[in-house]
Amino acid sequence: MKFVPHNYQQYAIDTLIDNPISGLFLDMGLGKTVITLTAIQEIKNNCFDANKILVIAPLRVAKLTWKHELEKWEHLKGLTISKVLGNKKERLAALDAEADIYIVNRENTVWLVEHYGRFWPFDMVVIDELSSFKSNKAARFKALRKVRPLIKRIVGLTGTPTPNGLIDLWPQLYLLDRGERLGKTITGYRDKYFTAGQKNWQTGVVYNYNLKAGAEDKIYKEIDDICVSMKAEDYLEVPELMEITIDVELEDKDYKKYKQFERDLLLPLSESEDVEAMSAVALSNKLLQMANGAIYGEERQVHKIHDEKIKALEEIIEAANGKPVIVYYNYKHDLARIKEHFKDVRTLDTDEDINDWNSGKIPILLLHPASAGHGLNLQEGGNIIIWFGLNWSLELYQQANARLHRQGQNSKVSCYLLVTKGTIDEDVIAALHSKAKGQDALLEAIKAKILEYQEVR
């Protein structure tokens, strides 16, 4: 296929070529991968400004997306990729292979840095989904920080640089400019632009930070010389995404079982002044599982509760009348129960699976939003999304929907949300609609439910 870049794509390509440090904060569907590959080709083969290039990406993106994009566009045929994936022997063989671009999954960042040490050979590094390096405490951030002085050119790609607010930005910018714009330490960044919000007064752990007045504009001004930000709605005409909530009602006996379980989980925390995030996450997971229809026991055995979401899923698939659908699930027991009920289903594991989906050969594609939320182009295969299981992450929700709702989609996208009435599903939907931060919304929902039971008691 011939690549004729849009004006915004050409601007982004020129930005990468002209600047050794670049952050491309491009919305989903704007073509970050082809933009970057086009710039790499120019930088390596015409400017001679990079010799050995590394791409760090989520595992599925590393396996499939970059190679697929390379094969898709005529002007990129001369570039070669070596995938540094698999077991240690396979990774070492991939590093020894001759290639223009070496691609490694982000989980092996630490291994790669330790393998090369001070003999780090990559003079250009592309971090695909820079937001996965948003924690300054993560081993992958610390490892890449060690070799950052040895990297001549660096590119950070993401559509969601601040999923939990601007507090996430410092580690990502540090990997780009080594602290030149937002400071050398996370503490200095926080002190300059934020005030501490909710915290545990016994442990001193701060759960969230609030921006100081005028801080947002100051941060953007500091980074605008190396970061390009673009929203899809400003550049693309993409068919509408229609969100359709499907209410799932439990039978009385199952609803009573859910409410009793909810009450038993929540009341042990009712004497504490604060609910800590880890406790809230554990409670939320249990309640979300039960709303979906099954729950893990202490030994990881699965206890089935109800089939109401399975029935609702069946109705939507029947109404689709043979059109392909993507079903997002949340837990492994969701996946197992869906597979048991629907025989003609597939998961996404290989290039062949992607090709089959985009060719209309897969009627029901089962995906987990965390593994399929970035980089996959699935818009050619269908226009129906069904969320069987929900989660609190607005980033995952948006990224997962963008597998179909993106450039190249020719039909209106229907996004069905299965929401079990009277359960925590309703709190998750409210949080997603309000664009609240996941952890903050989760904590507030759990606290509200505890208060409700306290008042009844």
Protein backbone atom coordinates (compact mmCIF):
# COMPACT_ATOMS: atom_id res chain seq x y z
CA MET A 1 0.00 0.00 0.00
CA LYS A 2 1.24 3.46 -0.88
CA PHE A 3 1.63 5.85 2.04
CA VAL A 4 0.47 9.39 1.37
CA PRO A 5 0.83 11.16 4.71
CA HIS A 6 -1.79 13.57 5.95
CA ASN A 7 -0.49 17.03 6.78
CA TYR A 8 -0.48 16.28 10.49
CA GLN A 9 1.44 13.03 9.87
CA GLN A 10 4.06 14.82 7.80
CA TYR A 11 4.42 17.41 10.57
CA ALA A 12 4.99 14.62 13.11
CA ILE A 13 7.48 12.86 10.80
CA ASP A 14 9.45 16.09 10.36
CA THR A 15 9.41 16.63 14.12
CA LEU A 16 11.03 13.24 14.73
CA ILE A 17 13.64 13.82 12.04
CA ASP A 18 14.55 17.34 13.18
CA ASN A 19 14.64 16.69 16.95
CA PRO A 20 16.80 14.11 18.72
CA ILE A 21 14.33 14.19 21.64
CA SER A 22 10.64 13.85 20.79
CA GLY A 23 7.40 12.99 22.54
CA LEU A 24 4.51 12.19 20.20
CA PHE A 25 1.33 12.35 22.27
CA LEU A 26 -0.94 11.35 19.40
CA ASP A 27 -4.48 10.20 19.94
CA MET A 28 -5.52 6.68 19.02
CA GLY A 29 -5.87 6.13 15.28
CA LEU A 30 -3.57 8.89 14.08
CA GLY A 31 -0.87 6.48 12.88
CA LYS A 32 1.96 6.71 15.42
CA THR A 33 3.64 3.55 14.13
CA VAL A 34 3.81 4.42 10.44
CA ILE A 35 4.86 7.98 11.34
CA THR A 36 7.74 6.64 13.44
CA LEU A 37 8.83 4.02 10.90
CA THR A 38 8.86 6.63 8.13
CA ALA A 39 11.01 8.91 10.28
CA ILE A 40 13.33 6.01 11.20
CA GLN A 41 13.88 5.21 7.54
CA GLU A 42 14.87 8.81 6.81
CA ILE A 43 17.04 9.16 9.92
CA LYS A 44 18.91 5.90 9.32
CA ASN A 45 19.20 5.70 5.54
CA ASN A 46 19.33 9.33 4.41
CA CYS A 47 20.42 11.41 7.40
CA PHE A 48 22.77 8.66 8.69
CA ASP A 49 21.99 9.87 12.20
CA ALA A 50 21.18 6.51 13.79
CA ASN A 51 22.82 3.14 13.35
CA LYS A 52 21.16 0.67 15.69
CA ILE A 53 17.52 1.26 16.64
CA LEU A 54 15.55 -0.26 19.50
CA VAL A 55 11.77 -0.24 19.95
CA ILE A 56 10.37 -1.04 23.40
CA ALA A 57 6.67 -1.98 23.24
CA PRO A 58 3.88 -3.92 24.95
CA LEU A 59 4.28 -7.63 24.23
CA ARG A 60 1.41 -8.02 21.77
CA VAL A 61 2.41 -4.84 19.94
CA ALA A 62 6.02 -6.05 19.81
CA LYS A 63 4.91 -9.38 18.37
CA LEU A 64 2.46 -8.15 15.79
CA THR A 65 1.96 -4.45 15.17
CA TRP A 66 5.37 -3.15 14.09
CA LYS A 67 6.03 -6.01 11.67
CA HIS A 68 2.51 -5.70 10.28
CA GLU A 69 2.94 -1.97 9.65
CA LEU A 70 6.34 -2.57 8.05
CA GLU A 71 4.86 -5.07 5.61
CA LYS A 72 1.81 -2.92 4.91
CA TRP A 73 3.50 0.16 3.39
CA GLU A 74 5.50 0.12 0.16
CA HIS A 75 7.98 2.81 1.20
CA LEU A 76 9.10 0.76 4.22
CA LYS A 77 9.96 -2.46 2.37
CA GLY A 78 13.69 -1.92 2.79
CA LEU A 79 13.58 -1.87 6.60
CA THR A 80 14.07 -5.09 8.57
CA ILE A 81 12.98 -6.00 12.10
CA SER A 82 14.36 -8.50 14.58
CA LYS A 83 11.99 -9.43 17.42
CA VAL A 84 13.86 -9.82 20.70
CA LEU A 85 11.17 -12.01 22.23
CA GLY A 86 10.69 -15.47 23.69
CA ASN A 87 13.11 -17.35 25.93
CA LYS A 88 16.67 -16.22 26.62
CA LYS A 89 18.17 -18.28 23.79
CA GLU A 90 15.67 -16.83 21.30
CA ARG A 91 16.27 -13.28 22.51
CA LEU A 92 20.04 -13.61 22.21
CA ALA A 93 19.71 -15.01 18.69
CA ALA A 94 17.50 -12.07 17.74
CA LEU A 95 20.06 -9.61 19.08
CA ASP A 96 22.78 -11.29 16.99
CA ALA A 97 20.71 -11.09 13.81
CA GLU A 98 21.35 -8.30 11.31
CA ALA A 99 18.44 -5.86 11.28
CA ASP A 100 17.59 -2.18 11.10
CA ILE A 101 15.22 -2.25 14.06
CA TYR A 102 15.25 -4.48 17.13
CA ILE A 103 12.00 -4.72 19.06
CA VAL A 104 11.70 -5.92 22.66
CA ASN A 105 8.71 -6.20 24.96
CA ARG A 106 8.80 -3.77 27.87
CA GLU A 107 8.95 -6.60 30.43
CA ASN A 108 12.45 -7.45 29.13
CA THR A 109 13.80 -3.90 29.42
CA VAL A 110 15.68 -4.76 32.63
CA TRP A 111 17.14 -7.91 31.08
CA LEU A 112 18.31 -6.03 27.99
CA VAL A 113 20.01 -3.31 30.02
CA GLU A 114 21.73 -5.87 32.24
CA HIS A 115 22.78 -7.88 29.19
CA TYR A 116 24.64 -4.97 27.56
CA GLY A 117 25.58 -2.89 30.59
CA ARG A 118 27.89 0.00 29.70
CA PHE A 119 28.27 -1.43 26.17
CA TRP A 120 24.73 -0.40 25.28
CA PRO A 121 24.64 -0.44 21.44
CA PHE A 122 21.37 1.31 20.59
CA ASP A 123 21.87 4.96 19.63
CA MET A 124 18.15 5.46 18.93
CA VAL A 125 15.35 4.18 21.19
CA VAL A 126 11.60 4.35 20.59
CA ILE A 127 9.35 3.76 23.60
CA ASP A 128 5.98 2.66 22.26
CA GLU A 129 3.37 3.50 24.92
CA LEU A 130 5.57 5.79 26.95
CA SER A 131 2.87 5.88 29.63
CA SER A 132 3.90 2.34 30.66
CA PHE A 133 7.02 4.03 32.11
CA LYS A 134 4.97 6.40 34.27
CA SER A 135 6.20 4.95 37.58
CA ASN A 136 9.59 6.19 38.77
CA LYS A 137 9.73 3.20 41.13
CA ALA A 138 9.33 0.56 38.42
CA ALA A 139 12.34 -1.57 37.53
CA ARG A 140 11.91 -0.86 33.82
CA PHE A 141 12.14 2.91 34.43
CA LYS A 142 15.24 2.54 36.61
CA ALA A 143 16.93 0.28 34.06
CA LEU A 144 16.33 2.59 31.09
CA ARG A 145 17.40 5.56 33.18
CA LYS A 146 20.85 3.96 33.59
CA VAL A 147 21.51 3.80 29.85
CA ARG A 148 19.74 7.01 28.91
CA PRO A 149 23.06 8.95 28.67
CA LEU A 150 24.17 6.46 25.98
CA ILE A 151 21.12 7.09 23.78
CA LYS A 152 21.59 9.73 21.10
CA ARG A 153 18.00 9.85 19.84
CA ILE A 154 14.86 8.98 21.78
CA VAL A 155 11.16 8.98 20.90
CA GLY A 156 8.25 8.52 23.28
CA LEU A 157 4.92 7.45 21.78
CA THR A 158 1.58 7.44 23.57
CA GLY A 159 -2.02 8.47 23.18
CA THR A 160 -2.54 8.72 26.94
CA PRO A 161 0.51 10.28 28.66
CA THR A 162 -1.41 11.22 31.81
CA PRO A 163 -4.08 8.57 32.51
CA ASN A 164 -4.05 9.44 36.23
CA GLY A 165 -3.28 13.14 35.87
CA LEU A 166 -0.15 15.19 35.28
CA ILE A 167 1.59 13.58 38.25
CA ASP A 168 2.36 10.69 35.84
CA LEU A 169 4.29 12.92 33.46
CA TRP A 170 7.62 13.33 35.29
CA PRO A 171 9.10 9.82 34.78
CA GLN A 172 8.13 9.86 31.10
CA LEU A 173 9.69 13.28 30.46
CA TYR A 174 12.78 12.35 32.45
CA LEU A 175 13.46 9.45 30.07
CA LEU A 176 13.21 11.91 27.19
CA ASP A 177 15.25 14.88 28.44
CA ARG A 178 16.94 13.59 31.65
CA GLY A 179 15.13 16.14 33.81
CA GLU A 180 15.94 19.25 31.80
CA ARG A 181 12.35 20.52 31.69
CA LEU A 182 10.49 19.14 34.70
CA GLY A 183 13.37 18.71 37.10
CA LYS A 184 15.87 16.03 38.08
CA THR A 185 13.71 14.40 40.79
CA ILE A 186 10.07 13.42 41.23
CA THR A 187 10.08 15.13 44.62
CA GLY A 188 11.13 18.42 43.10
CA TYR A 189 8.45 18.08 40.43
CA ARG A 190 5.75 17.41 43.03
CA ASP A 191 6.85 20.26 45.28
CA LYS A 192 6.89 22.74 42.40
CA TYR A 193 3.57 21.90 40.77
CA PHE A 194 1.39 19.93 43.25
CA THR A 195 0.00 19.80 46.76
CA ALA A 196 -0.64 16.52 48.60
CA GLY A 197 -4.26 15.36 48.57
CA GLN A 198 -5.75 12.32 50.28
CA LYS A 199 -3.27 10.46 52.46
CA ASN A 200 -3.01 7.83 55.17
CA TRP A 201 -1.97 9.80 58.23
CA GLN A 202 -0.59 6.70 60.00
CA THR A 203 1.72 5.56 57.21
CA GLY A 204 2.18 8.89 55.46
CA VAL A 205 1.27 7.35 52.09
CA VAL A 206 -0.22 9.98 49.75
CA TYR A 207 -2.92 8.59 47.45
CA ASN A 208 -3.24 11.54 45.11
CA TYR A 209 -1.80 14.97 44.33
CA ASN A 210 -3.63 18.15 43.34
CA LEU A 211 -2.29 20.69 40.87
CA LYS A 212 -1.41 24.12 42.18
CA ALA A 213 -3.15 27.08 40.58
CA GLY A 214 -1.72 27.73 37.11
CA ALA A 215 0.55 24.67 37.27
CA GLU A 216 -1.03 22.88 34.32
CA ASP A 217 -0.24 25.68 31.88
CA LYS A 218 3.29 25.98 33.25
CA ILE A 219 3.95 22.26 32.75
CA TYR A 220 2.68 22.32 29.17
CA LYS A 221 4.81 25.37 28.42
CA GLU A 222 7.92 23.64 29.76
CA ILE A 223 7.55 20.62 27.47
CA ASP A 224 5.98 22.04 24.31
CA ASP A 225 9.31 22.38 22.48
CA ILE A 226 9.83 18.58 22.39
CA CYS A 227 6.27 17.21 22.66
CA VAL A 228 3.62 17.15 19.95
CA SER A 229 0.05 16.55 21.08
CA MET A 230 -2.81 15.84 18.67
CA LYS A 231 -6.41 14.76 19.20
CA ALA A 232 -8.12 12.50 16.68
CA GLU A 233 -11.26 14.61 16.50
CA ASP A 234 -9.18 17.54 15.24
CA TYR A 235 -7.77 15.60 12.28
CA LEU A 236 -9.94 12.61 11.44
CA GLU A 237 -13.48 12.04 10.35
CA VAL A 238 -14.24 8.76 12.09
CA PRO A 239 -17.78 7.32 12.23
CA GLU A 240 -19.61 7.80 15.52
CA LEU A 241 -19.07 5.54 18.54
CA MET A 242 -22.49 4.66 19.99
CA GLU A 243 -22.36 3.52 23.61
CA ILE A 244 -25.33 1.33 24.55
CA THR A 245 -25.88 0.24 28.16
CA ILE A 246 -27.60 -3.14 28.52
CA ASP A 247 -29.13 -3.59 31.97
CA VAL A 248 -28.68 -7.10 33.33
CA GLU A 249 -31.10 -8.05 36.11
CA LEU A 250 -30.35 -10.79 38.60
CA GLU A 251 -32.99 -13.14 39.93
CA ASP A 252 -34.03 -12.31 43.48
CA LYS A 253 -32.08 -15.20 45.00
CA ASP A 254 -28.89 -14.22 43.15
CA TYR A 255 -29.28 -10.53 43.94
CA LYS A 256 -29.75 -11.30 47.64
CA LYS A 257 -26.62 -13.45 47.48
CA TYR A 258 -24.69 -10.56 45.90
CA LYS A 259 -25.91 -8.00 48.48
CA GLN A 260 -25.12 -10.33 51.38
CA PHE A 261 -21.65 -10.94 49.97
CA GLU A 262 -21.15 -7.20 49.45
CA ARG A 263 -22.27 -6.49 53.01
CA ASP A 264 -19.99 -9.16 54.50
CA LEU A 265 -17.02 -7.80 52.59
CA LEU A 266 -17.61 -4.16 53.44
CA LEU A 267 -18.64 -4.13 57.08
CA PRO A 268 -15.30 -5.40 58.44
CA LEU A 269 -13.84 -2.11 57.18
CA SER A 270 -16.56 0.07 58.64
CA GLU A 271 -14.66 0.88 61.84
CA SER A 272 -11.67 2.34 60.02
CA GLU A 273 -11.60 6.02 59.15
CA ASP A 274 -9.98 5.48 55.77
CA VAL A 275 -10.18 2.74 53.19
CA GLU A 276 -6.76 2.09 51.70
CA ALA A 277 -6.38 1.61 47.98
CA MET A 278 -5.21 -2.01 48.14
CA SER A 279 -8.22 -3.01 50.24
CA ALA A 280 -10.56 -1.18 47.90
CA VAL A 281 -9.06 -2.91 44.84
CA ALA A 282 -9.45 -6.34 46.44
CA LEU A 283 -13.07 -5.62 47.39
CA SER A 284 -13.84 -4.22 43.96
CA ASN A 285 -12.40 -7.30 42.21
CA LYS A 286 -14.57 -9.63 44.25
CA LEU A 287 -17.72 -7.62 43.57
CA LEU A 288 -16.98 -7.20 39.86
CA GLN A 289 -16.46 -10.95 39.53
CA MET A 290 -19.75 -11.65 41.21
CA ALA A 291 -21.56 -9.13 38.99
CA ASN A 292 -20.14 -11.01 35.99
CA GLY A 293 -21.48 -14.35 37.26
CA ALA A 294 -18.67 -16.22 39.01
CA ILE A 295 -16.05 -15.73 41.69
CA TYR A 296 -12.70 -17.23 42.66
CA GLY A 297 -12.50 -19.07 45.98
CA GLU A 298 -9.52 -19.12 48.33
CA GLU A 299 -7.87 -21.93 46.34
CA ARG A 300 -8.61 -20.20 43.01
CA GLN A 301 -11.48 -22.59 42.33
CA VAL A 302 -14.36 -20.96 40.44
CA HIS A 303 -17.80 -20.67 42.04
CA LYS A 304 -20.55 -19.99 39.53
CA ILE A 305 -23.21 -17.52 40.70
CA HIS A 306 -25.44 -16.72 37.72
CA ASP A 307 -25.62 -16.75 33.91
CA GLU A 308 -27.44 -13.45 33.33
CA LYS A 309 -24.54 -11.77 31.50
CA ILE A 310 -24.07 -14.86 29.35
CA LYS A 311 -27.75 -14.64 28.38
CA ALA A 312 -27.45 -10.92 27.59
CA LEU A 313 -24.33 -11.57 25.53
CA GLU A 314 -26.17 -14.27 23.58
CA GLU A 315 -29.03 -11.89 22.77
CA ILE A 316 -26.67 -9.21 21.41
CA ILE A 317 -24.76 -11.75 19.30
CA GLU A 318 -28.01 -13.12 17.89
CA ALA A 319 -29.20 -9.58 17.09
CA ALA A 320 -25.90 -8.95 15.28
CA ASN A 321 -27.16 -11.53 12.76
CA GLY A 322 -23.78 -12.94 11.81
CA LYS A 323 -21.77 -9.72 12.00
CA PRO A 324 -18.39 -10.17 13.75
CA VAL A 325 -18.19 -8.95 17.35
CA ILE A 326 -15.36 -8.25 19.79
CA VAL A 327 -16.10 -9.26 23.38
CA TYR A 328 -13.95 -7.76 26.15
CA TYR A 329 -13.76 -9.89 29.28
CA ASN A 330 -12.17 -9.10 32.63
CA TYR A 331 -11.37 -12.41 34.39
CA LYS A 332 -10.19 -15.83 33.25
CA HIS A 333 -13.36 -17.44 34.50
CA ASP A 334 -15.30 -15.01 32.27
CA LEU A 335 -13.26 -16.26 29.31
CA ALA A 336 -13.82 -19.91 30.26
CA ARG A 337 -17.59 -19.52 30.66
CA ILE A 338 -17.94 -17.62 27.36
CA LYS A 339 -15.90 -20.29 25.54
CA GLU A 340 -18.05 -23.00 27.09
CA HIS A 341 -21.28 -21.34 25.93
CA PHE A 342 -20.20 -20.13 22.46
CA LYS A 343 -18.37 -22.66 20.34
CA ASP A 344 -17.25 -20.52 17.40
CA VAL A 345 -14.91 -18.13 19.23
CA ARG A 346 -11.26 -17.12 18.88
CA THR A 347 -8.66 -15.25 20.87
CA LEU A 348 -5.93 -13.08 19.35
CA ASP A 349 -2.48 -14.68 19.48
CA THR A 350 -0.83 -14.49 16.05
CA ASP A 351 -0.58 -12.48 12.85
CA GLU A 352 -2.92 -15.03 11.29
CA ASP A 353 -5.56 -14.25 13.92
CA ILE A 354 -5.38 -10.54 13.11
CA ASN A 355 -5.62 -11.23 9.38
CA ASP A 356 -8.54 -13.60 9.89
CA TRP A 357 -10.39 -11.03 11.98
CA ASN A 358 -9.82 -8.22 9.48
CA SER A 359 -10.96 -10.58 6.72
CA GLY A 360 -14.25 -11.27 8.51
CA LYS A 361 -13.42 -14.91 9.29
CA ILE A 362 -13.86 -14.70 13.09
CA PRO A 363 -17.47 -14.31 14.27
CA ILE A 364 -16.64 -13.81 17.97
CA LEU A 365 -13.24 -12.47 19.06
CA LEU A 366 -12.50 -12.62 22.80
CA LEU A 367 -10.01 -10.05 24.08
CA HIS A 368 -8.75 -8.80 27.42
CA PRO A 369 -8.48 -4.99 27.35
CA ALA A 370 -5.06 -4.99 29.06
CA SER A 371 -3.50 -7.21 26.39
CA ALA A 372 -5.32 -5.77 23.37
CA GLY A 373 -5.63 -2.15 24.38
CA HIS A 374 -2.66 -0.74 22.45
CA GLY A 375 -1.49 -0.74 18.89
CA LEU A 376 -3.75 -3.30 17.22
CA ASN A 377 -5.56 -2.29 14.03
CA LEU A 378 -8.80 -4.28 13.98
CA GLN A 379 -11.11 -1.75 12.34
CA GLU A 380 -11.41 -3.68 9.08
CA GLY A 381 -13.03 -6.71 10.72
CA GLY A 382 -16.16 -5.31 12.30
CA ASN A 383 -17.90 -2.53 14.15
CA ILE A 384 -19.48 -4.16 17.22
CA ILE A 385 -17.90 -4.17 20.70
CA ILE A 386 -19.38 -5.88 23.76
CA TRP A 387 -17.99 -5.27 27.25
CA PHE A 388 -18.82 -8.44 29.20
CA GLY A 389 -16.65 -7.39 32.15
CA LEU A 390 -15.87 -3.83 33.18
CA ASN A 391 -12.88 -2.26 34.92
CA TRP A 392 -12.08 1.12 36.43
CA SER A 393 -9.41 2.19 33.94
CA LEU A 394 -10.56 4.93 31.60
CA GLU A 395 -7.31 4.50 29.66
CA LEU A 396 -7.96 0.79 29.00
CA TYR A 397 -11.58 1.49 28.10
CA GLN A 398 -10.68 4.16 25.55
CA GLN A 399 -7.73 2.25 24.11
CA ALA A 400 -9.72 -0.97 23.75
CA ASN A 401 -12.61 0.79 21.98
CA ALA A 402 -10.09 2.43 19.67
CA ARG A 403 -9.18 -0.95 18.17
CA LEU A 404 -12.36 -0.53 16.08
CA HIS A 405 -13.15 3.18 16.48
CA ARG A 406 -10.21 4.55 14.53
CA GLN A 407 -9.05 5.76 11.14
CA GLY A 408 -10.08 3.25 8.46
CA GLN A 409 -13.36 2.34 10.14
CA ASN A 410 -16.18 2.81 7.64
CA SER A 411 -19.20 2.10 9.85
CA LYS A 412 -20.70 3.45 13.02
CA VAL A 413 -19.25 1.53 15.99
CA SER A 414 -21.72 0.06 18.48
CA CYS A 415 -20.29 -0.41 21.97
CA TYR A 416 -22.50 -2.49 24.29
CA LEU A 417 -21.87 -2.35 28.05
CA LEU A 418 -23.32 -5.22 30.11
CA VAL A 419 -24.17 -3.65 33.47
CA THR A 420 -25.62 -5.77 36.27
CA LYS A 421 -28.21 -3.60 38.01
CA GLY A 422 -27.72 -2.78 41.69
CA THR A 423 -24.06 -3.86 41.64
CA ILE A 424 -20.64 -2.25 41.46
CA ASP A 425 -20.95 -2.31 37.65
CA GLU A 426 -23.05 0.83 37.96
CA ASP A 427 -20.30 2.62 39.89
CA VAL A 428 -17.74 1.72 37.23
CA ILE A 429 -19.96 3.04 34.43
CA ALA A 430 -20.57 6.27 36.35
CA ALA A 431 -16.82 6.69 36.86
CA LEU A 432 -16.04 6.10 33.18
CA HIS A 433 -18.73 8.55 32.10
CA SER A 434 -17.48 11.22 34.47
CA LYS A 435 -13.89 10.59 33.35
CA ALA A 436 -12.92 10.24 37.00
CA LYS A 437 -9.53 8.79 37.80
CA GLY A 438 -9.84 5.05 38.36
CA GLN A 439 -8.41 4.73 41.84
CA ASP A 440 -10.12 7.85 43.17
CA ALA A 441 -13.48 6.72 41.82
CA LEU A 442 -12.97 3.21 43.20
CA LEU A 443 -12.17 4.52 46.69
CA GLU A 444 -15.18 6.82 46.72
CA ALA A 445 -17.51 4.06 45.56
CA ILE A 446 -16.32 1.64 48.24
CA LYS A 447 -16.58 4.31 50.96
CA ALA A 448 -20.10 5.22 49.85
CA LYS A 449 -21.21 1.61 50.08
CA ILE A 450 -19.66 1.20 53.54
CA LEU A 451 -21.52 4.31 54.70
CA GLU A 452 -24.76 2.93 53.26
CA TYR A 453 -24.41 -0.30 55.27
CA GLN A 454 -23.40 1.60 58.41
CA GLU A 455 -26.56 3.70 58.22
CA VAL A 456 -28.75 0.63 57.73
CA ARG A 457 -27.10 -1.11 60.63
